[in-house]
């Protein structure tokens, strides 16, 4: 029985590619005719997210069991580090970022096609 070679995932390369994809997506979005509406939606979403984070932080400070969570997280991290799962997690992250990069690339291409059709 022959084993197929595992596909290699490089987290650093995938994150670099993600950065380039985001930069290109922002450029395309800036040039897109619906940018003002998009900017308003993003601005509102960021504002809402900030408010939610503030509420969550206030709530977390008020809850005693959250204080114990830090210790549990540290123990879990130590467990992951000693089990060798860190490499598996890194590989999984790289694979996920690669998939995200592909989706962003497709969205950029679609947006660029829309801009070309409207000009």
N, C-alpha and C. Protein backbone atom coordinates (compact mmCIF):
# COMPACT_ATOMS: atom_id res chain seq x y z
N UNK A 1 0.85 -1.17 0.00
CA UNK A 1 0.00 0.00 0.00
C UNK A 1 0.89 1.24 0.00
N UNK A 2 0.74 2.10 -1.01
CA UNK A 2 1.62 3.27 -1.09
C UNK A 2 0.94 4.47 -0.46
N UNK A 3 1.74 5.22 0.27
CA UNK A 3 1.21 6.42 0.91
C UNK A 3 1.40 7.60 -0.02
N UNK A 4 0.37 8.45 -0.08
CA UNK A 4 0.48 9.67 -0.87
C UNK A 4 1.23 10.70 -0.05
N UNK A 5 2.12 11.47 -0.67
CA UNK A 5 2.84 12.48 0.09
C UNK A 5 1.88 13.56 0.59
N UNK A 6 2.10 14.01 1.83
CA UNK A 6 1.26 15.05 2.39
C UNK A 6 1.59 16.39 1.74
N UNK A 7 0.56 17.17 1.46
CA UNK A 7 0.77 18.49 0.89
C UNK A 7 1.43 19.37 1.96
N UNK A 8 2.43 20.13 1.55
CA UNK A 8 3.16 20.98 2.48
C UNK A 8 2.43 22.31 2.66
N UNK A 9 2.36 22.77 3.90
CA UNK A 9 1.75 24.04 4.22
C UNK A 9 2.78 24.87 4.96
N UNK A 10 3.02 26.07 4.49
CA UNK A 10 3.97 26.98 5.11
C UNK A 10 3.16 28.16 5.66
N UNK A 11 3.00 28.22 6.98
CA UNK A 11 2.17 29.24 7.61
C UNK A 11 2.68 30.65 7.29
N UNK A 12 3.98 30.85 7.32
CA UNK A 12 4.53 32.16 7.03
C UNK A 12 4.17 32.60 5.61
N UNK A 13 4.34 31.70 4.65
CA UNK A 13 4.01 32.03 3.26
C UNK A 13 2.51 32.29 3.10
N UNK A 14 1.69 31.48 3.75
CA UNK A 14 0.24 31.66 3.64
C UNK A 14 -0.19 32.99 4.24
N UNK A 15 0.40 33.37 5.39
CA UNK A 15 0.06 34.66 5.99
C UNK A 15 0.54 35.82 5.13
N UNK A 16 1.70 35.67 4.51
CA UNK A 16 2.20 36.70 3.60
C UNK A 16 1.23 36.86 2.43
N UNK A 17 0.79 35.73 1.90
CA UNK A 17 -0.16 35.75 0.78
C UNK A 17 -1.49 36.38 1.22
N UNK A 18 -1.92 36.08 2.45
CA UNK A 18 -3.14 36.68 2.97
C UNK A 18 -3.01 38.20 3.02
N UNK A 19 -1.87 38.68 3.47
CA UNK A 19 -1.62 40.12 3.51
C UNK A 19 -1.73 40.74 2.13
N UNK A 20 -1.13 40.10 1.15
CA UNK A 20 -1.20 40.60 -0.23
C UNK A 20 -2.64 40.58 -0.74
N UNK A 21 -3.38 39.54 -0.41
CA UNK A 21 -4.77 39.43 -0.85
C UNK A 21 -5.61 40.53 -0.22
N UNK A 22 -5.39 40.79 1.05
CA UNK A 22 -6.15 41.84 1.73
C UNK A 22 -5.81 43.20 1.13
N UNK A 23 -4.53 43.43 0.85
CA UNK A 23 -4.12 44.69 0.23
C UNK A 23 -4.81 44.87 -1.12
N UNK A 24 -4.84 43.83 -1.92
CA UNK A 24 -5.48 43.90 -3.23
C UNK A 24 -6.98 44.07 -3.09
N UNK A 25 -7.58 43.39 -2.12
CA UNK A 25 -9.02 43.52 -1.89
C UNK A 25 -9.38 44.95 -1.51
N UNK A 26 -8.55 45.57 -0.69
CA UNK A 26 -8.80 46.95 -0.30
C UNK A 26 -8.66 47.89 -1.50
N UNK A 27 -7.68 47.63 -2.36
CA UNK A 27 -7.51 48.47 -3.55
C UNK A 27 -8.73 48.35 -4.45
N UNK A 28 -9.19 47.12 -4.66
CA UNK A 28 -10.35 46.90 -5.52
C UNK A 28 -11.59 47.54 -4.89
N UNK A 29 -11.73 47.38 -3.58
CA UNK A 29 -12.89 47.97 -2.90
C UNK A 29 -12.87 49.49 -3.00
N UNK A 30 -11.68 50.09 -2.89
CA UNK A 30 -11.56 51.54 -3.00
C UNK A 30 -12.02 52.02 -4.35
N UNK A 31 -11.74 51.25 -5.40
CA UNK A 31 -12.08 51.64 -6.75
C UNK A 31 -13.50 51.25 -7.15
N UNK A 32 -14.17 50.46 -6.34
CA UNK A 32 -15.49 49.94 -6.70
C UNK A 32 -16.55 51.03 -6.52
N UNK A 33 -17.54 51.09 -7.43
CA UNK A 33 -18.57 52.14 -7.36
C UNK A 33 -19.39 52.13 -6.06
N UNK A 34 -19.50 51.03 -5.41
CA UNK A 34 -20.32 50.97 -4.20
C UNK A 34 -19.48 51.15 -2.93
N UNK A 35 -18.32 51.77 -3.07
CA UNK A 35 -17.39 51.89 -1.95
C UNK A 35 -17.96 52.69 -0.79
N UNK A 36 -18.64 53.80 -1.06
CA UNK A 36 -19.17 54.64 0.03
C UNK A 36 -20.13 53.84 0.90
N UNK A 37 -21.03 53.11 0.28
CA UNK A 37 -21.98 52.29 1.03
C UNK A 37 -21.22 51.23 1.84
N UNK A 38 -20.25 50.62 1.20
CA UNK A 38 -19.44 49.60 1.85
C UNK A 38 -18.70 50.19 3.05
N UNK A 39 -18.12 51.39 2.87
CA UNK A 39 -17.40 52.05 3.95
C UNK A 39 -18.31 52.32 5.13
N UNK A 40 -19.53 52.75 4.86
CA UNK A 40 -20.48 53.01 5.94
C UNK A 40 -20.82 51.73 6.68
N UNK A 41 -21.02 50.65 5.95
CA UNK A 41 -21.34 49.38 6.58
C UNK A 41 -20.17 48.89 7.44
N UNK A 42 -18.97 49.00 6.90
CA UNK A 42 -17.77 48.58 7.66
C UNK A 42 -17.61 49.44 8.90
N UNK A 43 -17.78 50.74 8.75
CA UNK A 43 -17.65 51.64 9.88
C UNK A 43 -18.65 51.29 10.98
N UNK A 44 -19.88 51.02 10.60
CA UNK A 44 -20.90 50.65 11.57
C UNK A 44 -20.55 49.30 12.23
N UNK A 45 -20.08 48.35 11.43
CA UNK A 45 -19.73 47.04 11.96
C UNK A 45 -18.58 47.15 12.96
N UNK A 46 -17.58 47.96 12.64
CA UNK A 46 -16.44 48.15 13.55
C UNK A 46 -16.90 48.83 14.84
N UNK A 47 -17.78 49.80 14.69
CA UNK A 47 -18.31 50.49 15.86
C UNK A 47 -19.09 49.52 16.74
N UNK A 48 -19.94 48.71 16.12
CA UNK A 48 -20.71 47.71 16.86
C UNK A 48 -19.80 46.70 17.53
N UNK A 49 -18.76 46.27 16.80
CA UNK A 49 -17.81 45.31 17.36
C UNK A 49 -17.10 45.91 18.58
N UNK A 50 -16.70 47.16 18.47
CA UNK A 50 -16.06 47.83 19.60
C UNK A 50 -16.96 47.87 20.82
N UNK A 51 -18.24 48.20 20.60
CA UNK A 51 -19.20 48.24 21.70
C UNK A 51 -19.37 46.86 22.32
N UNK A 52 -19.43 45.83 21.48
CA UNK A 52 -19.57 44.46 21.99
C UNK A 52 -18.34 44.04 22.79
N UNK A 53 -17.18 44.40 22.31
CA UNK A 53 -15.94 44.07 23.03
C UNK A 53 -15.93 44.78 24.38
N UNK A 54 -16.32 46.05 24.39
CA UNK A 54 -16.37 46.79 25.66
C UNK A 54 -17.32 46.11 26.64
N UNK A 55 -18.50 45.71 26.15
CA UNK A 55 -19.48 45.04 27.03
C UNK A 55 -18.92 43.71 27.53
N UNK A 56 -18.28 42.97 26.64
CA UNK A 56 -17.73 41.67 27.03
C UNK A 56 -16.61 41.83 28.05
N UNK A 57 -15.76 42.84 27.85
CA UNK A 57 -14.66 43.06 28.79
C UNK A 57 -15.20 43.46 30.17
N UNK A 58 -16.21 44.32 30.19
CA UNK A 58 -16.80 44.74 31.45
C UNK A 58 -17.42 43.53 32.16
N UNK A 59 -18.12 42.73 31.40
CA UNK A 59 -18.75 41.54 31.97
C UNK A 59 -17.70 40.57 32.49
N UNK A 60 -16.60 40.41 31.73
CA UNK A 60 -15.55 39.48 32.12
C UNK A 60 -14.88 39.93 33.41
N UNK A 61 -14.69 41.22 33.56
CA UNK A 61 -14.07 41.72 34.79
C UNK A 61 -14.95 41.45 36.01
N UNK A 62 -16.25 41.43 35.76
CA UNK A 62 -17.19 41.25 36.86
C UNK A 62 -17.37 39.79 37.27
N UNK A 63 -16.92 38.87 36.47
CA UNK A 63 -17.15 37.46 36.75
C UNK A 63 -15.90 36.80 37.32
N UNK A 64 -16.05 36.21 38.48
CA UNK A 64 -14.92 35.60 39.19
C UNK A 64 -14.35 34.40 38.45
N UNK A 65 -15.21 33.60 37.82
CA UNK A 65 -14.70 32.38 37.19
C UNK A 65 -13.79 32.68 36.00
N UNK A 66 -13.90 33.87 35.45
CA UNK A 66 -13.04 34.25 34.34
C UNK A 66 -11.59 34.37 34.82
N UNK A 67 -11.42 34.77 36.06
CA UNK A 67 -10.07 34.88 36.61
C UNK A 67 -9.36 33.52 36.61
N UNK A 68 -10.13 32.47 36.87
CA UNK A 68 -9.55 31.13 36.87
C UNK A 68 -9.28 30.61 35.47
N UNK A 69 -9.90 31.21 34.50
CA UNK A 69 -9.74 30.77 33.12
C UNK A 69 -8.29 30.94 32.65
N UNK A 70 -7.63 31.99 33.09
CA UNK A 70 -6.24 32.21 32.71
C UNK A 70 -5.34 31.04 33.08
N UNK A 71 -5.53 30.52 34.25
CA UNK A 71 -4.75 29.36 34.70
C UNK A 71 -5.06 28.15 33.84
N UNK A 72 -6.33 27.95 33.54
CA UNK A 72 -6.72 26.81 32.72
C UNK A 72 -6.14 26.93 31.31
N UNK A 73 -6.13 28.14 30.76
CA UNK A 73 -5.56 28.35 29.43
C UNK A 73 -4.06 28.06 29.44
N UNK A 74 -3.37 28.52 30.47
CA UNK A 74 -1.93 28.25 30.57
C UNK A 74 -1.66 26.76 30.62
N UNK A 75 -2.46 26.05 31.38
CA UNK A 75 -2.29 24.60 31.48
C UNK A 75 -2.56 23.93 30.13
N UNK A 76 -3.57 24.40 29.42
CA UNK A 76 -3.88 23.83 28.11
C UNK A 76 -2.75 24.10 27.13
N UNK A 77 -2.18 25.30 27.16
CA UNK A 77 -1.06 25.63 26.27
C UNK A 77 0.13 24.73 26.57
N UNK A 78 0.43 24.53 27.83
CA UNK A 78 1.54 23.65 28.20
C UNK A 78 1.28 22.23 27.72
N UNK A 79 0.06 21.78 27.83
CA UNK A 79 -0.30 20.44 27.38
C UNK A 79 -0.11 20.30 25.88
N UNK A 80 -0.54 21.33 25.13
CA UNK A 80 -0.40 21.32 23.67
C UNK A 80 1.08 21.32 23.29
N UNK A 81 1.86 22.14 23.98
CA UNK A 81 3.29 22.23 23.66
C UNK A 81 4.00 20.91 23.90
N UNK A 82 3.67 20.23 24.97
CA UNK A 82 4.36 18.99 25.28
C UNK A 82 3.85 17.81 24.45
N UNK A 83 2.66 17.92 23.90
CA UNK A 83 2.09 16.80 23.15
C UNK A 83 2.53 16.78 21.69
N UNK A 84 3.15 17.86 21.21
CA UNK A 84 3.54 17.92 19.80
C UNK A 84 2.39 18.38 18.91
N UNK A 85 1.30 18.75 19.51
CA UNK A 85 0.13 19.18 18.72
C UNK A 85 0.35 20.56 18.10
N UNK A 86 1.35 21.29 18.58
CA UNK A 86 1.59 22.63 18.04
C UNK A 86 1.83 22.59 16.53
N UNK A 87 2.58 21.60 16.07
CA UNK A 87 2.84 21.49 14.64
C UNK A 87 1.55 21.18 13.88
N UNK A 88 0.72 20.33 14.47
CA UNK A 88 -0.56 20.02 13.83
C UNK A 88 -1.44 21.26 13.76
N UNK A 89 -1.43 22.05 14.82
CA UNK A 89 -2.23 23.27 14.85
C UNK A 89 -1.70 24.24 13.80
N UNK A 90 -0.38 24.40 13.73
CA UNK A 90 0.21 25.31 12.74
C UNK A 90 -0.14 24.88 11.33
N UNK A 91 -0.06 23.59 11.06
CA UNK A 91 -0.39 23.08 9.73
C UNK A 91 -1.86 23.33 9.42
N UNK A 92 -2.72 23.11 10.41
CA UNK A 92 -4.14 23.37 10.22
C UNK A 92 -4.43 24.83 9.96
N UNK A 93 -3.74 25.70 10.70
CA UNK A 93 -3.90 27.14 10.47
C UNK A 93 -3.45 27.53 9.07
N UNK A 94 -2.31 27.01 8.65
CA UNK A 94 -1.80 27.32 7.31
C UNK A 94 -2.79 26.86 6.25
N UNK A 95 -3.35 25.68 6.45
CA UNK A 95 -4.32 25.16 5.49
C UNK A 95 -5.56 26.06 5.44
N UNK A 96 -6.02 26.49 6.61
CA UNK A 96 -7.19 27.37 6.66
C UNK A 96 -6.91 28.73 6.04
N UNK A 97 -5.73 29.28 6.29
CA UNK A 97 -5.36 30.57 5.71
C UNK A 97 -5.25 30.44 4.19
N UNK A 98 -4.73 29.31 3.72
CA UNK A 98 -4.65 29.09 2.27
C UNK A 98 -6.05 29.11 1.65
N UNK A 99 -7.01 28.46 2.29
CA UNK A 99 -8.38 28.44 1.79
C UNK A 99 -8.97 29.85 1.81
N UNK A 100 -8.69 30.61 2.87
CA UNK A 100 -9.16 31.99 2.96
C UNK A 100 -8.55 32.83 1.85
N UNK A 101 -7.26 32.64 1.59
CA UNK A 101 -6.60 33.36 0.50
C UNK A 101 -7.29 33.09 -0.83
N UNK A 102 -7.64 31.85 -1.06
CA UNK A 102 -8.30 31.48 -2.32
C UNK A 102 -9.66 32.16 -2.43
N UNK A 103 -10.41 32.19 -1.35
CA UNK A 103 -11.72 32.84 -1.39
C UNK A 103 -11.58 34.34 -1.63
N UNK A 104 -10.61 34.96 -0.99
CA UNK A 104 -10.39 36.39 -1.19
C UNK A 104 -9.97 36.66 -2.62
N UNK A 105 -9.10 35.81 -3.17
CA UNK A 105 -8.66 35.98 -4.55
C UNK A 105 -9.85 35.95 -5.49
N UNK A 106 -10.75 34.99 -5.27
CA UNK A 106 -11.94 34.90 -6.12
C UNK A 106 -12.83 36.14 -5.98
N UNK A 107 -12.99 36.62 -4.76
CA UNK A 107 -13.81 37.82 -4.53
C UNK A 107 -13.20 39.03 -5.22
N UNK A 108 -11.87 39.13 -5.18
CA UNK A 108 -11.19 40.23 -5.86
C UNK A 108 -11.44 40.15 -7.36
N UNK A 109 -11.28 38.97 -7.92
CA UNK A 109 -11.51 38.80 -9.35
C UNK A 109 -12.93 39.17 -9.73
N UNK A 110 -13.91 38.74 -8.94
CA UNK A 110 -15.31 39.07 -9.22
C UNK A 110 -15.54 40.58 -9.15
N UNK A 111 -14.97 41.23 -8.13
CA UNK A 111 -15.14 42.67 -7.99
C UNK A 111 -14.48 43.43 -9.14
N UNK A 112 -13.32 42.94 -9.57
CA UNK A 112 -12.63 43.59 -10.68
C UNK A 112 -13.45 43.44 -11.96
N UNK A 113 -14.08 42.30 -12.15
CA UNK A 113 -14.93 42.10 -13.32
C UNK A 113 -16.11 43.07 -13.29
N UNK A 114 -16.69 43.29 -12.08
CA UNK A 114 -17.81 44.23 -11.95
C UNK A 114 -17.37 45.63 -12.31
N UNK A 115 -16.19 46.03 -11.84
CA UNK A 115 -15.68 47.37 -12.13
C UNK A 115 -15.45 47.53 -13.62
N UNK A 116 -14.89 46.51 -14.25
CA UNK A 116 -14.62 46.57 -15.70
C UNK A 116 -15.91 46.67 -16.49
N UNK A 117 -16.96 45.97 -16.06
CA UNK A 117 -18.24 46.01 -16.76
C UNK A 117 -18.88 47.38 -16.64
N UNK A 118 -18.69 48.05 -15.49
CA UNK A 118 -19.33 49.33 -15.26
C UNK A 118 -18.57 50.49 -15.89
N UNK A 119 -17.34 50.25 -16.33
CA UNK A 119 -16.58 51.35 -16.94
C UNK A 119 -16.65 51.30 -18.44
